[in-house]
Amino acid sequence: MRIAVLGAGAWGTALAVHASRLHGGSHAVTLWARDPAQRAQMQADRVNARYLPGTALPPPLQLADGPLAPLCASQDLLVVATPMAALRAMLAELVPLDRPLAWLCKGFEAGGAGLLGHEVLHDVAGGAGAAFGVLSGPSFAQEVAAGQPTALVAASADAALREQLVQAFHGATLRVYSSDDVVGVEVGGAVKNVLAIATGLCDGLALGLNARAALVTRGLAEMSRLGVALGAHAETFMGLSGLGDLVLTATGDLSRNRKVGLLLAQGLRLDAAMASLGHVAEGVYSARTVLQRAAALGVRMPITESVVALLDGRMRPHEAVAALMGREPAADGI
């Protein structure tokens, strides 16, 4: 299979490395970098020193930069591995090529209507174009690149594309499950980043494991409420892209969004916390949009509301915790 992974950040690089190793190198995988200088350095060193240091690029993995159309028109599968902020521009270039495509980014588009990935595609393509989907789930790039066991979910309304994604990436160290619930998988991948900021704050304030468990559990309820209101299946949130991704991102030491919460708990300003990461933390960009979409649908998301107040500087860390603990009693469930 000819696969182009578009975006040479940590996750795009890790997935391209994984795919190029599969089935004795039978996939023809190309990793496209937006920055020609980065591509040239990766070609010379055979490593992505900026985003995935320590992982050698397999000899079969091809590198590319420059215009997308000449590369992508002949591919069997396109995988967009850019941050959410770049998805619209990428889709505008790719949709006319009419190739099967999926994206890895997790979040709501900042500004405007705050759209999910599939909504951005519909806005760009107006219902035209090839099959599309999303590949998501609990995964740190470093572990996938290192060949450590991982499970993802390929979501698409198109059964043939779901199978194509399985064939492209399923292997001995990475299991790919399939789902037709694109909305649920996207909501899970977006909201868990916001909730991970709250859990990082909890851990940074040393509030204890009881508090962390409460945040994860009630966060899952918030995620599920919003997803169902947007048309997702409730059971999706008990799977890899819901509970699985939430647990990983909220508790894993490699989580950038959790790190933001930890740094805010230490008293750092948001801009300083973001600068120290060196990577994108999607929860920071998605939090306000998640809350806006929830408010428009009449969905209660108190944890998300507190995270937004914290990010906006309207609350300090201890005040955000006090606001959550001071809420009126309520029934458990979603």
Protein backbone atom coordinates (compact mmCIF):
# COMPACT_ATOMS: atom_id res chain seq x y z
CA MET A 1 0.00 0.00 0.00
CA ARG A 2 1.25 3.51 -0.83
CA ILE A 3 0.79 5.68 2.26
CA ALA A 4 1.63 9.35 2.72
CA VAL A 5 1.79 10.68 6.28
CA LEU A 6 1.49 14.46 6.10
CA GLY A 7 3.15 16.14 9.04
CA ALA A 8 6.53 15.32 10.57
CA GLY A 9 5.78 16.00 14.21
CA ALA A 10 6.20 13.32 16.86
CA TRP A 11 3.00 11.41 16.15
CA GLY A 12 3.19 11.59 12.37
CA THR A 13 6.80 10.42 12.46
CA ALA A 14 6.03 7.58 14.87
CA LEU A 15 3.15 6.30 12.75
CA ALA A 16 5.18 6.53 9.55
CA VAL A 17 8.05 4.63 11.20
CA HIS A 18 5.61 1.96 12.39
CA ALA A 19 3.92 1.58 8.99
CA SER A 20 7.23 1.32 7.16
CA ARG A 21 8.30 -1.58 9.39
CA LEU A 22 5.13 -3.62 8.84
CA HIS A 23 4.89 -6.76 6.73
CA GLY A 24 8.57 -6.81 5.90
CA GLY A 25 8.47 -3.26 4.62
CA SER A 26 5.81 -4.01 2.00
CA HIS A 27 4.10 -0.62 2.48
CA ALA A 28 5.61 2.25 0.50
CA VAL A 29 5.49 4.97 3.15
CA THR A 30 6.37 8.64 2.66
CA LEU A 31 6.62 11.15 5.50
CA TRP A 32 5.99 14.72 4.34
CA ALA A 33 7.42 17.68 6.28
CA ARG A 34 6.14 21.22 5.87
CA ASP A 35 9.59 22.68 6.53
CA PRO A 36 12.16 21.82 3.82
CA ALA A 37 15.02 22.44 6.24
CA GLN A 38 13.57 19.92 8.67
CA ARG A 39 13.16 17.39 5.87
CA ALA A 40 16.77 17.90 4.75
CA GLN A 41 18.06 17.44 8.30
CA MET A 42 15.97 14.30 8.77
CA GLN A 43 17.27 12.96 5.47
CA ALA A 44 20.88 13.60 6.48
CA ASP A 45 20.58 12.21 10.03
CA ARG A 46 17.83 9.60 9.45
CA VAL A 47 16.21 10.74 12.69
CA ASN A 48 13.63 13.40 13.60
CA ALA A 49 15.85 15.08 16.19
CA ARG A 50 13.36 17.84 16.98
CA TYR A 51 10.21 15.81 17.63
CA LEU A 52 11.24 12.16 18.06
CA PRO A 53 14.91 11.99 19.04
CA GLY A 54 16.41 8.56 19.50
CA THR A 55 14.21 6.83 16.91
CA ALA A 56 16.03 5.87 13.73
CA LEU A 57 14.04 6.27 10.53
CA PRO A 58 13.85 2.87 8.78
CA PRO A 59 15.71 2.76 5.44
CA PRO A 60 12.50 2.17 3.42
CA LEU A 61 10.82 5.30 4.81
CA GLN A 62 10.86 8.06 2.20
CA LEU A 63 10.91 11.75 3.12
CA ALA A 64 9.36 14.60 1.17
CA ASP A 65 8.48 18.29 1.31
CA GLY A 66 7.09 20.82 -1.15
CA PRO A 67 3.71 20.85 -2.95
CA LEU A 68 1.28 18.18 -1.83
CA ALA A 69 -0.49 17.39 -5.09
CA PRO A 70 2.43 15.72 -6.93
CA LEU A 71 3.06 13.46 -3.93
CA CYS A 72 -0.49 12.71 -2.87
CA ALA A 73 -2.26 12.16 -6.19
CA SER A 74 -0.74 8.68 -6.57
CA GLN A 75 -1.15 7.50 -2.95
CA ASP A 76 -3.57 4.81 -1.79
CA LEU A 77 -4.05 6.47 1.61
CA LEU A 78 -3.40 9.95 2.96
CA VAL A 79 -2.95 10.48 6.70
CA VAL A 80 -2.98 14.05 7.98
CA ALA A 81 -0.74 14.37 11.04
CA THR A 82 -0.81 18.13 11.58
CA PRO A 83 -2.22 19.96 14.62
CA MET A 84 -5.93 20.75 14.51
CA ALA A 85 -5.22 24.37 13.58
CA ALA A 86 -3.75 23.25 10.24
CA LEU A 87 -6.42 20.70 9.31
CA ARG A 88 -8.65 23.04 7.31
CA ALA A 89 -5.83 24.24 5.07
CA MET A 90 -4.62 20.69 4.53
CA LEU A 91 -8.07 19.43 3.60
CA ALA A 92 -8.55 22.28 1.16
CA GLU A 93 -5.52 21.00 -0.75
CA LEU A 94 -6.29 17.29 -0.42
CA VAL A 95 -10.03 17.07 -1.13
CA PRO A 96 -9.65 17.89 -4.86
CA LEU A 97 -7.26 14.93 -5.19
CA ASP A 98 -10.12 12.56 -4.31
CA ARG A 99 -7.95 10.11 -2.35
CA PRO A 100 -8.98 8.16 0.78
CA LEU A 101 -7.82 10.11 3.80
CA ALA A 102 -7.80 10.11 7.57
CA TRP A 103 -6.48 12.47 10.21
CA LEU A 104 -4.76 12.02 13.55
CA CYS A 105 -5.37 15.43 15.15
CA LYS A 106 -7.60 15.61 18.22
CA GLY A 107 -9.56 18.73 19.03
CA PHE A 108 -12.14 21.29 18.01
CA GLU A 109 -11.19 23.97 15.51
CA ALA A 110 -10.49 27.18 17.45
CA GLY A 111 -12.62 30.19 16.61
CA GLY A 112 -15.77 30.37 14.52
CA ALA A 113 -18.18 27.50 15.03
CA GLY A 114 -15.61 25.32 16.80
CA LEU A 115 -15.90 22.38 14.44
CA LEU A 116 -14.72 18.81 14.81
CA GLY A 117 -12.56 17.33 12.06
CA HIS A 118 -15.40 15.74 10.11
CA GLU A 119 -17.33 19.02 10.31
CA VAL A 120 -14.33 20.90 8.96
CA LEU A 121 -14.15 18.46 6.06
CA HIS A 122 -17.84 18.91 5.30
CA ASP A 123 -17.38 22.67 5.42
CA VAL A 124 -14.44 22.45 3.01
CA ALA A 125 -15.81 19.80 0.66
CA GLY A 126 -19.55 20.31 0.92
CA GLY A 127 -20.14 16.57 0.98
CA ALA A 128 -17.90 15.87 -2.02
CA GLY A 129 -14.64 13.96 -2.07
CA ALA A 130 -13.37 10.52 -1.19
CA ALA A 131 -13.90 8.43 1.91
CA PHE A 132 -12.62 9.96 5.15
CA GLY A 133 -12.01 8.89 8.70
CA VAL A 134 -10.03 9.39 11.88
CA LEU A 135 -7.38 7.30 13.60
CA SER A 136 -7.37 7.86 17.34
CA GLY A 137 -6.95 6.25 20.74
CA PRO A 138 -4.59 6.06 23.71
CA SER A 139 -1.13 6.48 22.24
CA PHE A 140 2.12 8.27 23.01
CA ALA A 141 4.32 8.69 19.95
CA GLN A 142 7.48 7.59 21.74
CA GLU A 143 5.98 4.24 22.71
CA VAL A 144 4.60 3.51 19.24
CA ALA A 145 7.98 4.32 17.69
CA ALA A 146 9.65 2.03 20.23
CA GLY A 147 7.37 -0.85 19.28
CA GLN A 148 5.59 -0.99 22.63
CA PRO A 149 2.06 -2.49 22.65
CA THR A 150 -0.62 0.02 21.62
CA ALA A 151 -4.25 -0.09 20.50
CA LEU A 152 -6.03 2.46 18.30
CA VAL A 153 -9.44 2.81 16.71
CA ALA A 154 -10.08 3.61 13.05
CA ALA A 155 -13.41 5.39 12.68
CA SER A 156 -15.22 6.00 9.43
CA ALA A 157 -18.70 5.68 8.00
CA ASP A 158 -17.03 3.92 5.05
CA ALA A 159 -16.37 0.25 5.79
CA ALA A 160 -13.76 -0.02 3.03
CA LEU A 161 -11.72 2.84 4.51
CA ARG A 162 -11.92 1.31 7.99
CA GLU A 163 -10.47 -1.90 6.56
CA GLN A 164 -7.82 0.06 4.67
CA LEU A 165 -6.69 1.76 7.88
CA VAL A 166 -6.52 -1.61 9.61
CA GLN A 167 -4.43 -3.02 6.78
CA ALA A 168 -2.17 0.04 6.82
CA PHE A 169 -1.33 0.05 10.52
CA HIS A 170 -2.41 -3.15 12.30
CA GLY A 171 0.51 -5.31 13.37
CA ALA A 172 2.17 -7.25 16.15
CA THR A 173 2.73 -4.18 18.35
CA LEU A 174 -0.21 -2.00 17.29
CA ARG A 175 -3.79 -3.31 17.19
CA VAL A 176 -6.31 -1.29 15.18
CA TYR A 177 -9.98 -1.71 16.03
CA SER A 178 -12.73 -0.24 13.86
CA SER A 179 -15.78 1.91 14.52
CA ASP A 180 -18.42 3.69 12.48
CA ASP A 181 -18.87 6.38 15.17
CA VAL A 182 -16.71 9.21 13.84
CA VAL A 183 -18.42 11.77 16.10
CA GLY A 184 -17.81 9.75 19.27
CA VAL A 185 -14.18 9.03 18.45
CA GLU A 186 -13.51 12.69 17.66
CA VAL A 187 -15.26 14.01 20.77
CA GLY A 188 -13.33 11.59 22.96
CA GLY A 189 -10.03 12.59 21.43
CA ALA A 190 -10.78 16.29 21.83
CA VAL A 191 -12.32 16.48 25.30
CA LYS A 192 -9.80 14.21 27.01
CA ASN A 193 -7.12 16.83 26.38
CA VAL A 194 -9.08 19.43 28.34
CA LEU A 195 -9.73 17.01 31.18
CA ALA A 196 -6.04 16.09 31.32
CA ILE A 197 -5.24 19.71 32.16
CA ALA A 198 -7.61 19.44 35.14
CA THR A 199 -6.02 16.18 36.27
CA GLY A 200 -2.53 17.64 35.96
CA LEU A 201 -3.68 20.54 38.12
CA CYS A 202 -5.01 18.06 40.67
CA ASP A 203 -1.72 16.17 40.77
CA GLY A 204 0.33 19.36 40.84
CA LEU A 205 -1.57 20.53 43.90
CA ALA A 206 -1.00 17.12 45.55
CA LEU A 207 -4.73 16.62 46.12
CA GLY A 208 -4.35 12.85 46.17
CA LEU A 209 -5.41 9.78 44.20
CA ASN A 210 -9.03 10.02 45.37
CA ALA A 211 -9.32 13.43 43.74
CA ARG A 212 -7.68 12.20 40.55
CA ALA A 213 -10.09 9.28 40.30
CA ALA A 214 -13.05 11.59 40.83
CA LEU A 215 -11.86 13.97 38.12
CA VAL A 216 -11.30 11.18 35.59
CA THR A 217 -14.68 9.60 36.30
CA ARG A 218 -16.70 12.80 36.28
CA GLY A 219 -14.70 13.98 33.29
CA LEU A 220 -15.78 10.88 31.42
CA ALA A 221 -19.38 11.79 32.24
CA GLU A 222 -18.86 15.28 30.79
CA MET A 223 -17.28 13.85 27.66
CA SER A 224 -20.15 11.40 27.20
CA ARG A 225 -22.84 14.06 27.68
CA LEU A 226 -21.34 16.30 25.01
CA GLY A 227 -20.75 13.42 22.62
CA VAL A 228 -24.28 12.09 22.85
CA ALA A 229 -25.66 15.60 22.35
CA LEU A 230 -23.58 15.86 19.16
CA GLY A 231 -24.91 12.52 17.87
CA ALA A 232 -22.33 10.01 19.13
CA HIS A 233 -23.06 6.57 20.55
CA ALA A 234 -22.80 6.49 24.34
CA GLU A 235 -20.93 3.17 24.30
CA THR A 236 -18.07 4.70 22.28
CA PHE A 237 -16.92 6.55 25.38
CA MET A 238 -16.27 3.31 27.21
CA GLY A 239 -13.80 2.31 24.49
CA LEU A 240 -10.30 3.22 23.37
CA SER A 241 -11.02 6.74 22.17
CA GLY A 242 -13.04 7.60 25.28
CA LEU A 243 -12.06 6.03 28.57
CA GLY A 244 -8.80 4.62 27.19
CA ASP A 245 -7.47 7.92 25.82
CA LEU A 246 -8.70 9.83 28.86
CA VAL A 247 -6.89 7.56 31.33
CA LEU A 248 -3.66 7.72 29.33
CA THR A 249 -3.66 11.48 28.81
CA ALA A 250 -4.83 12.31 32.33
CA THR A 251 -2.30 10.11 34.13
CA GLY A 252 0.66 9.50 31.79
CA ASP A 253 3.90 11.34 32.40
CA LEU A 254 4.36 11.85 28.64
CA SER A 255 1.08 13.79 28.36
CA ARG A 256 1.62 17.39 27.27
CA ASN A 257 -1.86 18.45 28.40
CA ARG A 258 -1.34 16.96 31.86
CA LYS A 259 2.00 18.78 31.97
CA VAL A 260 0.21 22.09 31.39
CA GLY A 261 -1.92 21.45 34.48
CA LEU A 262 1.14 20.52 36.52
CA LEU A 263 2.94 23.70 35.50
CA LEU A 264 -0.08 25.91 36.23
CA ALA A 265 -0.31 24.33 39.67
CA GLN A 266 3.31 25.43 40.23
CA GLY A 267 2.28 29.01 39.60
CA LEU A 268 3.54 29.41 36.02
CA ARG A 269 1.63 31.66 33.68
CA LEU A 270 -0.03 29.92 30.74
CA ASP A 271 2.33 31.42 28.16
CA ALA A 272 5.37 30.27 30.14
CA ALA A 273 3.90 26.80 30.58
CA MET A 274 3.24 26.49 26.86
CA ALA A 275 6.69 27.76 25.92
CA SER A 276 8.35 25.15 28.12
CA LEU A 277 6.63 22.27 26.30
CA GLY A 278 8.08 22.79 22.84
CA HIS A 279 5.06 20.93 21.39
CA VAL A 280 1.36 21.66 20.87
CA ALA A 281 -0.99 20.96 23.81
CA GLU A 282 -4.34 20.73 22.02
CA GLY A 283 -6.38 21.02 25.22
CA VAL A 284 -5.32 24.64 25.65
CA TYR A 285 -6.69 25.53 22.21
CA SER A 286 -9.81 23.35 22.45
CA ALA A 287 -11.04 24.13 25.97
CA ARG A 288 -12.99 27.28 25.17
CA THR A 289 -14.50 25.76 22.05
CA VAL A 290 -15.58 22.63 23.94
CA LEU A 291 -17.34 24.84 26.47
CA GLN A 292 -18.96 26.94 23.74
CA ARG A 293 -20.31 23.85 21.92
CA ALA A 294 -21.57 22.44 25.22
CA ALA A 295 -23.32 25.70 26.17
CA ALA A 296 -25.03 25.89 22.79
CA LEU A 297 -26.42 22.39 23.37
CA GLY A 298 -27.35 22.96 27.01
CA VAL A 299 -24.78 20.40 28.20
CA ARG A 300 -23.28 20.78 31.69
CA MET A 301 -19.47 20.57 31.80
CA PRO A 302 -18.30 22.01 35.15
CA ILE A 303 -14.75 20.58 34.97
CA THR A 304 -14.26 22.07 31.52
CA GLU A 305 -15.71 25.36 32.75
CA SER A 306 -13.16 25.50 35.56
CA VAL A 307 -10.30 24.69 33.16
CA VAL A 308 -11.36 27.54 30.87
CA ALA A 309 -11.54 29.95 33.81
CA LEU A 310 -8.05 28.85 34.85
CA LEU A 311 -6.63 29.24 31.32
CA ASP A 312 -8.25 32.66 30.97
CA GLY A 313 -6.74 33.82 34.26
CA ARG A 314 -10.14 34.30 35.91
CA MET A 315 -9.33 31.68 38.55
CA ARG A 316 -6.21 30.58 40.34
CA PRO A 317 -5.51 26.85 40.75
CA HIS A 318 -6.89 26.55 44.29
CA GLU A 319 -9.97 28.59 43.32
CA ALA A 320 -10.71 26.23 40.41
CA VAL A 321 -10.62 23.25 42.77
CA ALA A 322 -12.80 25.05 45.32
CA ALA A 323 -15.35 25.87 42.61
CA LEU A 324 -15.66 22.20 41.65
CA MET A 325 -15.87 20.93 45.23
CA GLY A 326 -18.40 23.61 46.17
CA ARG A 327 -21.00 22.56 43.61
CA GLU A 328 -24.42 21.33 44.77
CA PRO A 329 -24.81 17.55 45.25
CA ALA A 330 -25.97 15.66 42.15
CA ALA A 331 -26.78 12.15 41.03
CA ASP A 332 -23.97 10.04 39.60
CA GLY A 333 -24.08 9.07 35.91
CA ILE A 334 -23.94 11.01 32.67
